[in-house]
Amino acid sequence: MGEYISIELILILDGEQEFEEKLLVPRGTVIMDAILQSGIYKNHPELHTNTFNFGVYGKERDADYLLSPNDRIEIYRELAQDPKERRKKLISKKQT
């Protein structure tokens, strides 16, 4: 039997954590394989149709990133607007 590693998968939507699962995956697993193994698509079908980014401990990673033991995969939606730009617009509206 091959060696397995423990990882964690988290889905973040609208700034709120929606899904968390710990998984045992075979060594050599990449992010997309772990996501498919988790079954997250059953409860979150929007993942099929929307654009999402992946990260490991807050650092953006590609879907083919090779996982290490105890990695935490984060799935988050692309931001509709850069938060800095949004704040600038809000401030300029208040000043007028």
Protein backbone atom coordinates (compact mmCIF):
# COMPACT_ATOMS: atom_id res chain seq x y z
CA MET A 1 0.00 0.00 0.00
CA GLY A 2 1.31 3.47 -0.89
CA GLU A 3 2.08 6.23 1.55
CA TYR A 4 -0.62 8.76 2.43
CA ILE A 5 -0.41 12.34 3.65
CA SER A 6 -2.87 14.36 5.70
CA ILE A 7 -4.15 17.63 4.23
CA GLU A 8 -6.98 20.07 4.90
CA LEU A 9 -9.36 21.61 2.37
CA ILE A 10 -11.16 24.90 2.99
CA LEU A 11 -13.66 26.76 0.80
CA ILE A 12 -14.04 30.50 1.40
CA LEU A 13 -16.97 32.36 -0.18
CA ASP A 14 -17.75 36.03 0.43
CA GLY A 15 -15.12 36.15 3.17
CA GLU A 16 -16.76 33.33 5.15
CA GLN A 17 -15.52 29.77 5.53
CA GLU A 18 -18.13 27.49 3.94
CA PHE A 19 -16.47 24.08 3.94
CA GLU A 20 -13.66 22.39 5.83
CA GLU A 21 -12.51 18.81 5.52
CA LYS A 22 -9.43 16.86 6.51
CA LEU A 23 -8.34 14.27 3.96
CA LEU A 24 -5.83 11.48 3.62
CA VAL A 25 -4.49 11.50 0.07
CA PRO A 26 -1.77 9.49 -1.63
CA ARG A 27 1.66 11.11 -1.66
CA GLY A 28 2.02 12.77 -5.08
CA THR A 29 -1.50 14.23 -5.08
CA VAL A 30 -1.99 17.67 -6.63
CA ILE A 31 -4.54 20.30 -5.56
CA MET A 32 -7.16 19.44 -8.20
CA ASP A 33 -7.01 15.72 -7.39
CA ALA A 34 -7.58 16.46 -3.69
CA ILE A 35 -10.53 18.73 -4.50
CA LEU A 36 -12.12 16.03 -6.66
CA GLN A 37 -11.53 13.41 -3.97
CA SER A 38 -13.18 15.58 -1.33
CA GLY A 39 -16.61 15.52 -2.98
CA ILE A 40 -17.00 19.27 -2.44
CA TYR A 41 -18.76 19.62 -5.82
CA LYS A 42 -21.80 17.80 -4.45
CA ASN A 43 -22.58 20.57 -1.96
CA HIS A 44 -21.10 23.46 -3.94
CA PRO A 45 -22.00 23.03 -7.63
CA GLU A 46 -21.08 26.69 -8.25
CA LEU A 47 -17.45 25.55 -8.27
CA HIS A 48 -18.11 24.07 -11.72
CA THR A 49 -19.28 27.33 -13.27
CA ASN A 50 -17.38 30.09 -11.51
CA THR A 51 -13.73 31.06 -11.51
CA PHE A 52 -11.93 30.16 -8.32
CA ASN A 53 -8.33 30.49 -7.20
CA PHE A 54 -6.37 28.07 -5.08
CA GLY A 55 -3.86 28.67 -2.35
CA VAL A 56 -1.86 26.79 0.23
CA TYR A 57 -1.54 28.70 3.49
CA GLY A 58 -2.46 31.97 1.79
CA LYS A 59 -0.04 31.70 -1.11
CA GLU A 60 -1.65 31.35 -4.53
CA ARG A 61 -0.95 28.02 -6.21
CA ASP A 62 -1.92 26.36 -9.49
CA ALA A 63 -4.28 23.38 -9.63
CA ASP A 64 -1.31 21.11 -10.43
CA TYR A 65 0.65 22.12 -7.30
CA LEU A 66 2.10 19.02 -5.59
CA LEU A 67 0.82 18.76 -2.03
CA SER A 68 3.00 18.19 1.04
CA PRO A 69 1.98 16.69 4.38
CA ASN A 70 -0.26 18.98 6.46
CA ASP A 71 -0.90 21.45 3.60
CA ARG A 72 -4.09 23.48 3.87
CA ILE A 73 -5.70 24.00 0.46
CA GLU A 74 -7.81 27.14 0.27
CA ILE A 75 -10.35 27.66 -2.50
CA TYR A 76 -11.53 31.23 -2.95
CA ARG A 77 -13.53 33.13 -5.50
CA GLU A 78 -11.78 35.73 -7.61
CA LEU A 79 -12.41 39.19 -6.25
CA ALA A 80 -14.88 41.18 -8.31
CA GLN A 81 -12.99 44.34 -7.41
CA ASP A 82 -9.61 45.06 -5.85
CA PRO A 83 -10.27 46.02 -2.19
CA LYS A 84 -7.85 48.96 -2.41
CA GLU A 85 -9.66 50.35 -5.45
CA ARG A 86 -13.02 49.86 -3.73
CA ARG A 87 -11.86 51.84 -0.67
CA LYS A 88 -10.53 54.65 -2.88
CA LYS A 89 -13.90 54.93 -4.63
CA LEU A 90 -15.77 54.97 -1.32
CA ILE A 91 -13.51 57.69 0.04
CA SER A 92 -13.81 59.83 -3.08
CA LYS A 93 -17.64 59.52 -2.94
CA LYS A 94 -17.65 60.69 0.69
CA GLN A 95 -15.47 63.69 -0.16
CA THR A 96 -17.82 64.94 -2.88
